[in-house]
């Protein structure tokens, strides 16, 4: 099967996400996802890239005891992308609305036995 590399890379990250997104508070899993995402980004440049993954990382220097971080080394990858959204902070109201819509649909399907 001969597929464009961006499709193969997308499938790879989808599989990795299904396998590893369940627990991104585990530092090894979070590191795996960040490393994999960076490699995929490098391989698929100049694709447009965005990420919604947010990780909570313990940080004693912060008032609340943690900081939020995306799963991509933003500063390292930004120059290699045509467009990129920062995490946290890159998700707008439309994305949030669609995520909530899909969450409600998924819950309704699950309640119906779907």
N, C-alpha and C. Protein backbone atom coordinates (compact mmCIF):
# COMPACT_ATOMS: atom_id res chain seq x y z
N UNK A 1 0.85 -1.17 0.00
CA UNK A 1 0.00 0.00 0.00
C UNK A 1 0.90 1.24 0.00
N UNK A 2 0.64 2.15 -0.91
CA UNK A 2 1.43 3.35 -1.03
C UNK A 2 0.59 4.56 -0.61
N UNK A 3 0.90 5.13 0.57
CA UNK A 3 0.14 6.27 1.08
C UNK A 3 1.07 7.47 1.24
N UNK A 4 0.54 8.67 1.11
CA UNK A 4 1.36 9.84 1.42
C UNK A 4 1.82 9.76 2.89
N UNK A 5 3.00 10.27 3.15
CA UNK A 5 3.56 10.15 4.50
C UNK A 5 2.73 10.87 5.56
N UNK A 6 2.01 11.93 5.19
CA UNK A 6 1.21 12.63 6.18
C UNK A 6 0.04 11.77 6.67
N UNK A 7 -0.53 10.94 5.79
CA UNK A 7 -1.62 10.06 6.19
C UNK A 7 -1.09 8.97 7.12
N UNK A 8 0.05 8.39 6.75
CA UNK A 8 0.66 7.36 7.59
C UNK A 8 1.03 7.93 8.95
N UNK A 9 1.61 9.12 8.97
CA UNK A 9 1.99 9.76 10.23
C UNK A 9 0.76 10.05 11.09
N UNK A 10 -0.31 10.50 10.47
CA UNK A 10 -1.54 10.76 11.21
C UNK A 10 -2.09 9.50 11.83
N UNK A 11 -2.06 8.41 11.09
CA UNK A 11 -2.53 7.13 11.63
C UNK A 11 -1.65 6.66 12.78
N UNK A 12 -0.35 6.85 12.62
CA UNK A 12 0.58 6.46 13.68
C UNK A 12 0.28 7.20 14.97
N UNK A 13 0.08 8.53 14.86
CA UNK A 13 -0.19 9.33 16.06
C UNK A 13 -1.57 9.02 16.62
N UNK A 14 -2.53 8.68 15.77
CA UNK A 14 -3.85 8.27 16.26
C UNK A 14 -3.73 7.01 17.10
N UNK A 15 -2.96 6.04 16.59
CA UNK A 15 -2.76 4.81 17.35
C UNK A 15 -2.03 5.10 18.66
N UNK A 16 -0.96 5.89 18.57
CA UNK A 16 -0.20 6.22 19.79
C UNK A 16 -1.10 6.93 20.79
N UNK A 17 -1.96 7.81 20.29
CA UNK A 17 -2.89 8.52 21.18
C UNK A 17 -3.85 7.57 21.86
N UNK A 18 -4.40 6.63 21.10
CA UNK A 18 -5.31 5.65 21.69
C UNK A 18 -4.61 4.83 22.76
N UNK A 19 -3.35 4.54 22.52
CA UNK A 19 -2.59 3.68 23.43
C UNK A 19 -2.10 4.44 24.66
N UNK A 20 -1.69 5.70 24.48
CA UNK A 20 -0.98 6.40 25.55
C UNK A 20 -1.70 7.60 26.15
N UNK A 21 -2.75 8.14 25.52
CA UNK A 21 -3.39 9.33 26.07
C UNK A 21 -4.14 9.08 27.36
N UNK A 22 -4.43 7.83 27.69
CA UNK A 22 -5.23 7.56 28.89
C UNK A 22 -4.59 8.14 30.15
N UNK A 23 -3.27 8.18 30.20
CA UNK A 23 -2.61 8.62 31.42
C UNK A 23 -1.39 9.47 31.09
N UNK A 24 -1.62 10.72 30.74
CA UNK A 24 -0.48 11.58 30.41
C UNK A 24 0.12 12.23 31.65
N UNK A 25 -0.39 11.89 32.85
CA UNK A 25 0.28 12.36 34.06
C UNK A 25 1.48 11.47 34.35
N UNK A 26 1.54 10.30 33.72
CA UNK A 26 2.70 9.42 33.81
C UNK A 26 3.80 10.05 32.95
N UNK A 27 4.91 10.43 33.57
CA UNK A 27 5.94 11.17 32.85
C UNK A 27 6.53 10.40 31.68
N UNK A 28 6.64 9.08 31.78
CA UNK A 28 7.19 8.30 30.67
C UNK A 28 6.24 8.34 29.46
N UNK A 29 4.95 8.22 29.72
CA UNK A 29 3.97 8.27 28.62
C UNK A 29 3.94 9.66 28.00
N UNK A 30 3.96 10.69 28.85
CA UNK A 30 3.95 12.06 28.34
C UNK A 30 5.19 12.32 27.49
N UNK A 31 6.35 11.82 27.93
CA UNK A 31 7.58 11.99 27.16
C UNK A 31 7.50 11.24 25.84
N UNK A 32 6.97 10.01 25.87
CA UNK A 32 6.82 9.25 24.63
C UNK A 32 5.96 10.04 23.64
N UNK A 33 4.82 10.55 24.10
CA UNK A 33 3.92 11.28 23.21
C UNK A 33 4.59 12.55 22.68
N UNK A 34 5.30 13.27 23.54
CA UNK A 34 5.97 14.49 23.08
C UNK A 34 7.04 14.16 22.04
N UNK A 35 7.84 13.12 22.31
CA UNK A 35 8.88 12.72 21.35
C UNK A 35 8.27 12.26 20.03
N UNK A 36 7.23 11.44 20.11
CA UNK A 36 6.59 10.95 18.90
C UNK A 36 5.97 12.10 18.11
N UNK A 37 5.31 13.00 18.82
CA UNK A 37 4.67 14.13 18.15
C UNK A 37 5.71 15.01 17.47
N UNK A 38 6.84 15.21 18.11
CA UNK A 38 7.90 16.03 17.51
C UNK A 38 8.44 15.36 16.25
N UNK A 39 8.66 14.06 16.31
CA UNK A 39 9.17 13.34 15.13
C UNK A 39 8.17 13.39 13.97
N UNK A 40 6.90 13.22 14.31
CA UNK A 40 5.87 13.29 13.27
C UNK A 40 5.82 14.69 12.67
N UNK A 41 5.92 15.70 13.50
CA UNK A 41 5.89 17.08 13.02
C UNK A 41 7.05 17.34 12.07
N UNK A 42 8.23 16.90 12.44
CA UNK A 42 9.40 17.08 11.59
C UNK A 42 9.20 16.35 10.25
N UNK A 43 8.67 15.13 10.32
CA UNK A 43 8.50 14.32 9.12
C UNK A 43 7.41 14.86 8.18
N UNK A 44 6.42 15.53 8.74
CA UNK A 44 5.29 15.96 7.92
C UNK A 44 5.30 17.44 7.58
N UNK A 45 6.34 18.15 7.97
CA UNK A 45 6.44 19.56 7.62
C UNK A 45 6.38 19.69 6.11
N UNK A 46 5.68 20.60 5.53
CA UNK A 46 5.10 21.82 6.08
C UNK A 46 3.60 21.73 6.35
N UNK A 47 3.15 20.69 6.93
CA UNK A 47 1.73 20.59 7.26
C UNK A 47 1.34 21.58 8.34
N UNK A 48 0.07 21.91 8.37
CA UNK A 48 -0.47 22.72 9.46
C UNK A 48 -0.64 21.78 10.64
N UNK A 49 -0.25 22.23 11.81
CA UNK A 49 -0.24 21.36 12.98
C UNK A 49 -0.96 22.03 14.14
N UNK A 50 -1.84 21.27 14.80
CA UNK A 50 -2.41 21.78 16.03
C UNK A 50 -2.59 20.62 17.00
N UNK A 51 -2.55 20.97 18.26
CA UNK A 51 -2.66 19.96 19.30
C UNK A 51 -3.61 20.46 20.37
N UNK A 52 -4.37 19.56 20.94
CA UNK A 52 -5.29 19.93 22.01
C UNK A 52 -4.88 19.32 23.35
N UNK A 53 -3.87 18.49 23.34
CA UNK A 53 -3.47 17.77 24.55
C UNK A 53 -2.87 18.73 25.57
N UNK A 54 -3.36 18.66 26.81
CA UNK A 54 -2.81 19.45 27.90
C UNK A 54 -2.40 18.51 29.01
N UNK A 55 -1.20 18.70 29.51
CA UNK A 55 -0.69 17.88 30.60
C UNK A 55 -0.49 18.74 31.84
N UNK A 56 -0.80 18.16 32.98
CA UNK A 56 -0.59 18.84 34.26
C UNK A 56 0.73 18.33 34.82
N UNK A 57 1.68 19.24 34.98
CA UNK A 57 3.03 18.87 35.41
C UNK A 57 3.30 19.52 36.76
N UNK A 58 3.71 18.71 37.74
CA UNK A 58 4.04 19.24 39.06
C UNK A 58 5.14 20.29 38.93
N UNK A 59 4.95 21.43 39.60
CA UNK A 59 5.92 22.52 39.54
C UNK A 59 5.82 23.30 40.85
N UNK A 60 6.75 23.03 41.75
CA UNK A 60 6.72 23.66 43.08
C UNK A 60 6.89 25.18 43.00
N UNK A 61 7.44 25.69 41.90
CA UNK A 61 7.64 27.13 41.78
C UNK A 61 6.34 27.87 41.48
N UNK A 62 5.30 27.16 41.09
CA UNK A 62 4.01 27.78 40.78
C UNK A 62 3.13 27.81 42.02
N UNK A 63 2.33 28.85 42.15
CA UNK A 63 1.45 29.03 43.30
C UNK A 63 0.51 27.84 43.50
N UNK A 64 -0.03 27.32 42.41
CA UNK A 64 -0.98 26.21 42.52
C UNK A 64 -0.29 24.84 42.58
N UNK A 65 1.06 24.82 42.46
CA UNK A 65 1.81 23.58 42.59
C UNK A 65 1.98 22.80 41.30
N UNK A 66 1.46 23.32 40.20
CA UNK A 66 1.61 22.66 38.91
C UNK A 66 1.53 23.70 37.80
N UNK A 67 1.92 23.26 36.60
CA UNK A 67 1.78 24.10 35.42
C UNK A 67 1.16 23.26 34.32
N UNK A 68 0.54 23.93 33.37
CA UNK A 68 -0.05 23.24 32.23
C UNK A 68 0.92 23.31 31.06
N UNK A 69 1.00 22.21 30.34
CA UNK A 69 1.90 22.14 29.20
C UNK A 69 1.27 21.31 28.10
N UNK A 70 1.55 21.66 26.88
CA UNK A 70 1.11 20.85 25.76
C UNK A 70 2.03 19.65 25.59
N UNK A 71 1.73 18.80 24.63
CA UNK A 71 2.55 17.62 24.41
C UNK A 71 3.57 17.82 23.29
N UNK A 72 3.76 19.07 22.88
CA UNK A 72 4.70 19.39 21.81
C UNK A 72 5.69 20.44 22.32
N UNK A 73 6.94 20.31 21.95
CA UNK A 73 7.95 21.32 22.28
C UNK A 73 7.73 22.50 21.34
N UNK A 74 6.81 23.35 21.72
CA UNK A 74 6.32 24.43 20.84
C UNK A 74 7.44 25.28 20.25
N UNK A 75 8.34 25.76 21.09
CA UNK A 75 9.40 26.64 20.60
C UNK A 75 10.30 25.96 19.58
N UNK A 76 10.51 24.66 19.76
CA UNK A 76 11.38 23.92 18.84
C UNK A 76 10.68 23.61 17.51
N UNK A 77 9.37 23.44 17.53
CA UNK A 77 8.66 22.99 16.34
C UNK A 77 8.03 24.13 15.55
N UNK A 78 7.75 25.24 16.20
CA UNK A 78 7.00 26.33 15.57
C UNK A 78 7.62 26.80 14.26
N UNK A 79 8.93 26.90 14.22
CA UNK A 79 9.58 27.41 13.00
C UNK A 79 9.51 26.42 11.85
N UNK A 80 9.18 25.16 12.15
CA UNK A 80 9.12 24.12 11.12
C UNK A 80 7.71 23.95 10.55
N UNK A 81 6.75 24.64 11.12
CA UNK A 81 5.35 24.48 10.72
C UNK A 81 4.86 25.70 9.95
N UNK A 82 3.92 25.46 9.07
CA UNK A 82 3.27 26.55 8.37
C UNK A 82 2.36 27.30 9.34
N UNK A 83 1.72 26.55 10.24
CA UNK A 83 0.85 27.15 11.26
C UNK A 83 0.84 26.18 12.45
N UNK A 84 0.74 26.72 13.65
CA UNK A 84 0.73 25.88 14.86
C UNK A 84 -0.06 26.62 15.93
N UNK A 85 -0.77 25.88 16.78
CA UNK A 85 -1.49 26.51 17.89
C UNK A 85 -0.76 26.20 19.19
N UNK A 86 -0.61 27.19 20.06
CA UNK A 86 0.04 26.94 21.35
C UNK A 86 -0.90 26.21 22.30
N UNK A 87 -0.35 25.38 23.16
CA UNK A 87 -1.13 24.71 24.19
C UNK A 87 -0.41 24.93 25.51
N UNK A 88 -1.06 25.44 26.54
CA UNK A 88 -2.45 25.91 26.54
C UNK A 88 -2.55 27.28 25.87
N UNK A 89 -3.75 27.63 25.50
CA UNK A 89 -4.03 28.96 24.98
C UNK A 89 -4.39 29.02 23.51
N UNK A 90 -4.22 27.93 22.77
CA UNK A 90 -4.48 27.98 21.34
C UNK A 90 -5.87 27.56 20.94
N UNK A 91 -6.64 27.07 21.88
CA UNK A 91 -7.98 26.59 21.57
C UNK A 91 -8.98 27.72 21.78
N UNK A 92 -9.76 27.97 20.76
CA UNK A 92 -10.74 29.05 20.85
C UNK A 92 -12.12 28.54 21.18
N UNK A 93 -13.09 29.43 21.27
CA UNK A 93 -14.44 29.07 21.66
C UNK A 93 -15.12 28.07 20.70
N UNK A 94 -14.80 28.16 19.41
CA UNK A 94 -15.43 27.23 18.46
C UNK A 94 -14.94 25.81 18.69
N UNK A 95 -13.65 25.64 18.93
CA UNK A 95 -13.11 24.30 19.20
C UNK A 95 -13.71 23.74 20.47
N UNK A 96 -13.81 24.58 21.50
CA UNK A 96 -14.39 24.13 22.77
C UNK A 96 -15.85 23.73 22.55
N UNK A 97 -16.59 24.54 21.80
CA UNK A 97 -18.00 24.22 21.53
C UNK A 97 -18.13 22.88 20.79
N UNK A 98 -17.28 22.65 19.81
CA UNK A 98 -17.34 21.39 19.05
C UNK A 98 -16.92 20.20 19.91
N UNK A 99 -15.93 20.39 20.77
CA UNK A 99 -15.54 19.30 21.67
C UNK A 99 -16.68 18.95 22.62
N UNK A 100 -17.35 19.97 23.14
CA UNK A 100 -18.48 19.73 24.03
C UNK A 100 -19.63 19.05 23.28
N UNK A 101 -19.90 19.49 22.05
CA UNK A 101 -20.95 18.88 21.24
C UNK A 101 -20.65 17.39 21.02
N UNK A 102 -19.41 17.09 20.65
CA UNK A 102 -19.04 15.70 20.41
C UNK A 102 -19.05 14.87 21.70
N UNK A 103 -18.73 15.49 22.83
CA UNK A 103 -18.79 14.79 24.11
C UNK A 103 -20.23 14.41 24.44
N UNK A 104 -21.15 15.35 24.24
CA UNK A 104 -22.58 15.07 24.48
C UNK A 104 -23.07 13.98 23.54
N UNK A 105 -22.71 14.07 22.26
CA UNK A 105 -23.12 13.03 21.30
C UNK A 105 -22.60 11.66 21.70
N UNK A 106 -21.35 11.61 22.13
CA UNK A 106 -20.75 10.34 22.56
C UNK A 106 -21.48 9.78 23.78
N UNK A 107 -21.83 10.65 24.72
CA UNK A 107 -22.55 10.21 25.91
C UNK A 107 -23.94 9.69 25.53
N UNK A 108 -24.62 10.38 24.63
CA UNK A 108 -25.94 9.93 24.18
C UNK A 108 -25.85 8.57 23.49
N UNK A 109 -24.87 8.39 22.64
CA UNK A 109 -24.68 7.11 21.96
C UNK A 109 -24.40 5.99 22.97
N UNK A 110 -23.58 6.31 23.95
CA UNK A 110 -23.26 5.28 24.97
C UNK A 110 -24.49 4.90 25.77
N UNK A 111 -25.31 5.89 26.11
CA UNK A 111 -26.54 5.60 26.86
C UNK A 111 -27.52 4.76 26.05
N UNK A 112 -27.50 4.95 24.73
CA UNK A 112 -28.37 4.19 23.86
C UNK A 112 -27.80 2.82 23.52
N UNK A 113 -26.60 2.54 24.02
CA UNK A 113 -25.97 1.25 23.76
C UNK A 113 -25.19 1.22 22.46
N UNK A 114 -24.84 2.39 21.94
CA UNK A 114 -24.12 2.48 20.67
C UNK A 114 -22.64 2.42 20.81
